[in-house]
Amino acid sequence: MLLTRALVGLLGIPIAIIVIYLGGIPLLISLIILTLLGLHEFYRMTRAYRPNLLAGYIGAILILTGAYTSQLEGALRGAIYLFALTFLFHAIRGLKPEMLGEMAVTFFGSFYVSMGFAHVILLRSPAYGISLAIIVLLATWTSDTVAYAVGHFYGHRPIAPVASPNKTLEGTLAGFVGTILVVLVAGKSLGWMESWQFFILGLTIAIAAPAGDLFESYLKRSSQVKDAGTIIPGHGGILDRFDSLLFAGVAAFYVVGAMVGNG
């Protein structure tokens, strides 16, 4: 399993960097595909609540295209459209007592997945260029990979035995340190933030990435599934692979914005 994860990572990381480097339509299309696949996994896990897939898919696309065309304002406008579509499509089914829960799952799933990926577009905005998005991506992968490897070989103390018994304190601490070091080293080649600011960025990602991982683990356990999907060998589904990024990208965007004034 560890070898498979490593091979997939070695193939996936260059592809992701190339897509981020290209930006524009290639990045938007790639993120729309990832979002729809991830949202499909979420709705499959929560199908007992009867989410409205069409409302969720359309709303997710509107959030991503809004981020692409109008940055954060466009993404938030897309979220408003998602809210309206969620009510409209569920109302068409007919008013009933369980409608509230169905709408909540429809809206939450689409917002959670699409807003997370939309922030990759925001990180790649003209205000920051290519560098910030790539640093966040590399730092998130470092957090996942180091935590998994150290936990696999040296981990003994689980941090969430019910939700994710394989996550250990040793692995989490190693991922924490590795993430900060990667951001500090990468930041040395950039001149638009000070060293202390890159430390804050690294600290933010080091906290947000495992939080996103743990959050998705809770979603899976509450849905009584081991993996969100099987599309990525050694990793599971889209949500299994990108759960950390869905939190880390959002946190990094607002922390950097607060420090340099572009958020």
Protein backbone atom coordinates (compact mmCIF):
# COMPACT_ATOMS: atom_id res chain seq x y z
CA MET A 1 0.00 0.00 0.00
CA LEU A 2 2.81 2.41 0.89
CA LEU A 3 4.58 1.72 -2.41
CA THR A 4 1.35 2.23 -4.36
CA ARG A 5 0.69 5.53 -2.60
CA ALA A 6 4.23 6.68 -3.36
CA LEU A 7 4.00 5.77 -7.05
CA VAL A 8 0.66 7.53 -7.45
CA GLY A 9 2.10 10.58 -5.70
CA LEU A 10 5.17 10.64 -7.95
CA LEU A 11 2.88 10.65 -10.97
CA GLY A 12 0.23 12.97 -9.59
CA ILE A 13 2.43 15.74 -8.17
CA PRO A 14 4.05 16.74 -11.50
CA ILE A 15 0.67 16.67 -13.25
CA ALA A 16 -0.87 18.89 -10.57
CA ILE A 17 2.04 21.35 -10.74
CA ILE A 18 1.76 21.53 -14.52
CA VAL A 19 -1.98 22.22 -14.32
CA ILE A 20 -1.44 24.94 -11.72
CA TYR A 21 1.36 26.42 -13.83
CA LEU A 22 -0.95 26.57 -16.86
CA GLY A 23 -3.80 28.04 -14.83
CA GLY A 24 -6.78 29.40 -16.78
CA ILE A 25 -9.22 27.01 -18.41
CA PRO A 26 -7.09 23.85 -17.86
CA LEU A 27 -7.08 24.51 -14.11
CA LEU A 28 -10.80 25.31 -14.04
CA ILE A 29 -11.76 22.18 -15.98
CA SER A 30 -9.50 19.98 -13.85
CA LEU A 31 -11.01 21.33 -10.64
CA ILE A 32 -14.56 20.96 -11.94
CA ILE A 33 -13.86 17.30 -12.72
CA LEU A 34 -12.32 16.70 -9.29
CA THR A 35 -15.20 18.50 -7.62
CA LEU A 36 -17.91 16.53 -9.40
CA LEU A 37 -16.15 13.24 -8.68
CA GLY A 38 -15.66 14.16 -5.03
CA LEU A 39 -19.23 15.38 -4.69
CA HIS A 40 -20.47 12.14 -6.25
CA GLU A 41 -18.57 10.27 -3.52
CA PHE A 42 -20.10 12.47 -0.81
CA TYR A 43 -23.63 12.03 -2.10
CA ARG A 44 -23.11 8.29 -2.42
CA MET A 45 -22.06 8.13 1.24
CA THR A 46 -25.09 10.18 2.29
CA ARG A 47 -27.65 8.70 -0.12
CA ALA A 48 -29.87 7.67 2.81
CA TYR A 49 -30.67 11.38 3.19
CA ARG A 50 -31.75 11.62 -0.47
CA PRO A 51 -29.67 14.66 -1.51
CA ASN A 52 -30.63 16.31 -4.79
CA LEU A 53 -27.65 15.57 -7.01
CA LEU A 54 -28.59 17.94 -9.82
CA ALA A 55 -28.85 20.95 -7.49
CA GLY A 56 -25.53 20.07 -5.87
CA TYR A 57 -23.67 19.53 -9.14
CA ILE A 58 -24.96 22.72 -10.78
CA GLY A 59 -24.28 24.76 -7.66
CA ALA A 60 -20.74 23.39 -7.42
CA ILE A 61 -19.99 24.35 -11.02
CA LEU A 62 -21.35 27.84 -10.40
CA ILE A 63 -19.09 28.26 -7.36
CA LEU A 64 -15.99 27.21 -9.31
CA THR A 65 -16.76 29.28 -12.40
CA GLY A 66 -17.59 32.20 -10.13
CA ALA A 67 -14.17 31.91 -8.47
CA TYR A 68 -12.55 31.78 -11.91
CA THR A 69 -14.35 34.82 -13.32
CA SER A 70 -14.76 37.04 -10.23
CA GLN A 71 -12.51 35.60 -7.50
CA LEU A 72 -13.94 35.38 -3.97
CA GLU A 73 -16.98 37.51 -4.79
CA GLY A 74 -17.87 35.17 -7.63
CA ALA A 75 -17.47 32.07 -5.45
CA LEU A 76 -19.76 33.54 -2.79
CA ARG A 77 -22.30 34.47 -5.45
CA GLY A 78 -22.18 30.87 -6.65
CA ALA A 79 -22.88 29.73 -3.07
CA ILE A 80 -26.01 31.90 -3.04
CA TYR A 81 -27.13 30.28 -6.29
CA LEU A 82 -26.47 26.87 -4.72
CA PHE A 83 -28.69 27.80 -1.77
CA ALA A 84 -31.52 28.86 -4.10
CA LEU A 85 -31.18 25.78 -6.31
CA THR A 86 -31.17 23.51 -3.27
CA PHE A 87 -34.52 24.86 -2.09
CA LEU A 88 -36.05 24.97 -5.57
CA PHE A 89 -35.10 21.43 -6.57
CA HIS A 90 -36.21 19.96 -3.25
CA ALA A 91 -39.47 21.95 -3.28
CA ILE A 92 -40.24 20.45 -6.68
CA ARG A 93 -40.13 17.03 -5.03
CA GLY A 94 -42.88 18.19 -2.69
CA LEU A 95 -42.96 19.64 0.81
CA LYS A 96 -42.47 16.96 3.46
CA PRO A 97 -41.00 16.66 6.97
CA GLU A 98 -37.68 15.16 5.83
CA MET A 99 -37.10 17.97 3.29
CA LEU A 100 -35.03 19.99 5.77
CA GLY A 101 -32.48 17.21 6.27
CA GLU A 102 -32.33 16.48 2.56
CA MET A 103 -31.65 20.15 1.75
CA ALA A 104 -28.98 20.36 4.46
CA VAL A 105 -27.05 17.41 3.05
CA THR A 106 -27.41 18.67 -0.54
CA PHE A 107 -26.14 22.14 0.30
CA PHE A 108 -23.43 21.11 2.74
CA GLY A 109 -21.88 18.52 0.44
CA SER A 110 -21.71 20.85 -2.55
CA PHE A 111 -20.43 23.77 -0.49
CA TYR A 112 -17.80 21.68 1.31
CA VAL A 113 -16.29 20.14 -1.81
CA SER A 114 -16.62 22.98 -4.32
CA MET A 115 -15.53 25.78 -1.99
CA GLY A 116 -12.46 23.79 -1.01
CA PHE A 117 -11.40 23.32 -4.63
CA ALA A 118 -12.44 26.87 -5.55
CA HIS A 119 -9.83 28.21 -3.17
CA VAL A 120 -7.13 26.58 -5.31
CA ILE A 121 -8.26 29.00 -8.03
CA LEU A 122 -8.14 31.87 -5.54
CA LEU A 123 -4.63 30.89 -4.45
CA ARG A 124 -3.59 30.94 -8.13
CA SER A 125 -5.00 34.47 -8.57
CA PRO A 126 -2.94 37.34 -10.07
CA ALA A 127 -2.42 38.71 -6.55
CA TYR A 128 -0.15 35.76 -5.70
CA GLY A 129 0.79 34.22 -9.04
CA ILE A 130 1.75 30.58 -9.35
CA SER A 131 3.98 30.25 -6.31
CA LEU A 132 1.46 30.27 -3.45
CA ALA A 133 -0.78 27.58 -4.93
CA ILE A 134 2.19 25.29 -5.56
CA ILE A 135 3.61 25.84 -2.06
CA VAL A 136 0.24 25.03 -0.47
CA LEU A 137 -0.09 21.93 -2.64
CA LEU A 138 3.41 20.66 -1.80
CA ALA A 139 3.00 21.42 1.90
CA THR A 140 -0.31 19.58 2.03
CA TRP A 141 1.14 16.54 0.31
CA THR A 142 4.09 16.66 2.69
CA SER A 143 1.72 16.67 5.65
CA ASP A 144 -0.15 13.64 4.31
CA THR A 145 2.87 11.65 3.14
CA VAL A 146 5.16 12.19 6.13
CA ALA A 147 2.35 11.55 8.60
CA TYR A 148 1.38 8.34 6.81
CA ALA A 149 4.94 7.03 6.45
CA VAL A 150 6.07 7.81 10.00
CA GLY A 151 2.78 6.56 11.41
CA HIS A 152 3.07 3.36 9.38
CA PHE A 153 6.57 2.50 10.62
CA TYR A 154 6.80 4.17 14.02
CA GLY A 155 3.30 5.12 15.09
CA HIS A 156 1.92 3.60 18.30
CA ARG A 157 -0.48 6.13 19.84
CA PRO A 158 -3.72 6.72 17.88
CA ILE A 159 -5.14 10.24 18.05
CA ALA A 160 -8.66 9.36 16.91
CA PRO A 161 -9.20 5.63 17.53
CA VAL A 162 -12.89 5.69 16.61
CA ALA A 163 -12.87 7.88 13.52
CA SER A 164 -9.43 7.01 12.17
CA PRO A 165 -7.53 4.32 14.10
CA ASN A 166 -4.53 4.45 11.74
CA LYS A 167 -3.73 8.09 12.49
CA THR A 168 -1.07 8.26 15.17
CA LEU A 169 0.43 10.98 17.33
CA GLU A 170 3.91 10.18 16.03
CA GLY A 171 2.85 10.49 12.41
CA THR A 172 0.87 13.66 13.03
CA LEU A 173 3.79 15.38 14.78
CA ALA A 174 6.18 14.36 12.00
CA GLY A 175 3.79 15.70 9.37
CA PHE A 176 3.44 18.90 11.39
CA VAL A 177 7.20 19.53 11.44
CA GLY A 178 7.71 18.44 7.82
CA THR A 179 5.00 20.79 6.57
CA ILE A 180 6.51 23.83 8.27
CA LEU A 181 10.00 22.99 6.98
CA VAL A 182 8.78 22.60 3.40
CA VAL A 183 7.03 25.99 3.47
CA LEU A 184 10.10 27.70 5.00
CA VAL A 185 12.47 26.18 2.44
CA ALA A 186 10.16 26.99 -0.49
CA GLY A 187 9.63 30.50 0.84
CA LYS A 188 13.36 31.28 0.66
CA SER A 189 13.08 31.52 -3.13
CA LEU A 190 10.27 34.07 -2.93
CA GLY A 191 10.52 37.71 -1.99
CA TRP A 192 6.94 38.76 -1.39
CA MET A 193 6.70 37.56 2.23
CA GLU A 194 9.04 37.60 5.21
CA SER A 195 10.37 34.42 6.84
CA TRP A 196 8.07 34.79 9.83
CA GLN A 197 5.10 35.03 7.48
CA PHE A 198 6.08 31.79 5.77
CA PHE A 199 6.39 30.21 9.20
CA ILE A 200 2.81 31.31 9.97
CA LEU A 201 1.69 29.91 6.61
CA GLY A 202 3.43 26.61 7.32
CA LEU A 203 1.91 26.46 10.79
CA THR A 204 -1.54 27.13 9.34
CA ILE A 205 -1.24 24.33 6.78
CA ALA A 206 0.27 21.99 9.38
CA ILE A 207 -2.89 22.43 11.48
CA ALA A 208 -5.51 22.66 8.72
CA ALA A 209 -4.34 19.68 6.62
CA PRO A 210 -4.72 16.97 9.31
CA ALA A 211 -7.94 18.66 10.44
CA GLY A 212 -9.34 18.21 6.93
CA ASP A 213 -8.19 14.60 6.90
CA LEU A 214 -9.81 13.91 10.27
CA PHE A 215 -13.01 15.67 9.22
CA GLU A 216 -13.39 13.42 6.19
CA SER A 217 -12.67 10.38 8.36
CA TYR A 218 -15.60 11.37 10.59
CA LEU A 219 -17.80 11.68 7.50
CA LYS A 220 -16.82 8.17 6.41
CA ARG A 221 -17.31 6.61 9.82
CA SER A 222 -20.70 8.24 10.26
CA SER A 223 -21.63 6.83 6.85
CA GLN A 224 -20.09 3.45 7.75
CA VAL A 225 -17.70 3.26 4.79
CA LYS A 226 -13.94 2.62 4.79
CA ASP A 227 -13.08 4.80 1.79
CA ALA A 228 -15.02 7.49 -0.03
CA GLY A 229 -14.21 5.82 -3.36
CA THR A 230 -11.76 3.62 -5.23
CA ILE A 231 -10.71 5.77 -8.18
CA ILE A 232 -7.13 6.42 -6.98
CA PRO A 233 -5.01 3.30 -6.30
CA GLY A 234 -3.56 3.26 -2.80
CA HIS A 235 -5.55 6.29 -1.71
CA GLY A 236 -9.24 5.53 -2.23
CA GLY A 237 -11.44 8.23 -3.66
CA ILE A 238 -11.08 11.89 -4.55
CA LEU A 239 -12.14 12.95 -1.07
CA ASP A 240 -9.66 10.52 0.48
CA ARG A 241 -6.84 12.10 -1.51
CA PHE A 242 -7.80 15.76 -1.37
CA ASP A 243 -9.51 16.02 2.03
CA SER A 244 -6.50 17.80 3.54
CA LEU A 245 -6.30 20.29 0.67
CA LEU A 246 -9.99 21.19 1.02
CA PHE A 247 -9.17 22.63 4.47
CA ALA A 248 -5.55 23.72 3.97
CA GLY A 249 -6.21 25.71 0.80
CA VAL A 250 -9.01 27.68 2.42
CA ALA A 251 -7.03 28.39 5.59
CA ALA A 252 -3.90 29.37 3.66
CA PHE A 253 -5.79 31.81 1.44
CA TYR A 254 -7.22 33.81 4.32
CA VAL A 255 -4.08 33.73 6.46
CA VAL A 256 -1.91 34.98 3.61
CA GLY A 257 -4.56 37.58 2.75
CA ALA A 258 -4.51 38.83 6.34
CA MET A 259 -0.70 39.08 6.32
CA VAL A 260 -0.13 40.76 2.95
CA GLY A 261 -3.47 42.48 2.39
CA ASN A 262 -4.61 40.73 -0.80
CA GLY A 263 -7.28 38.41 0.69
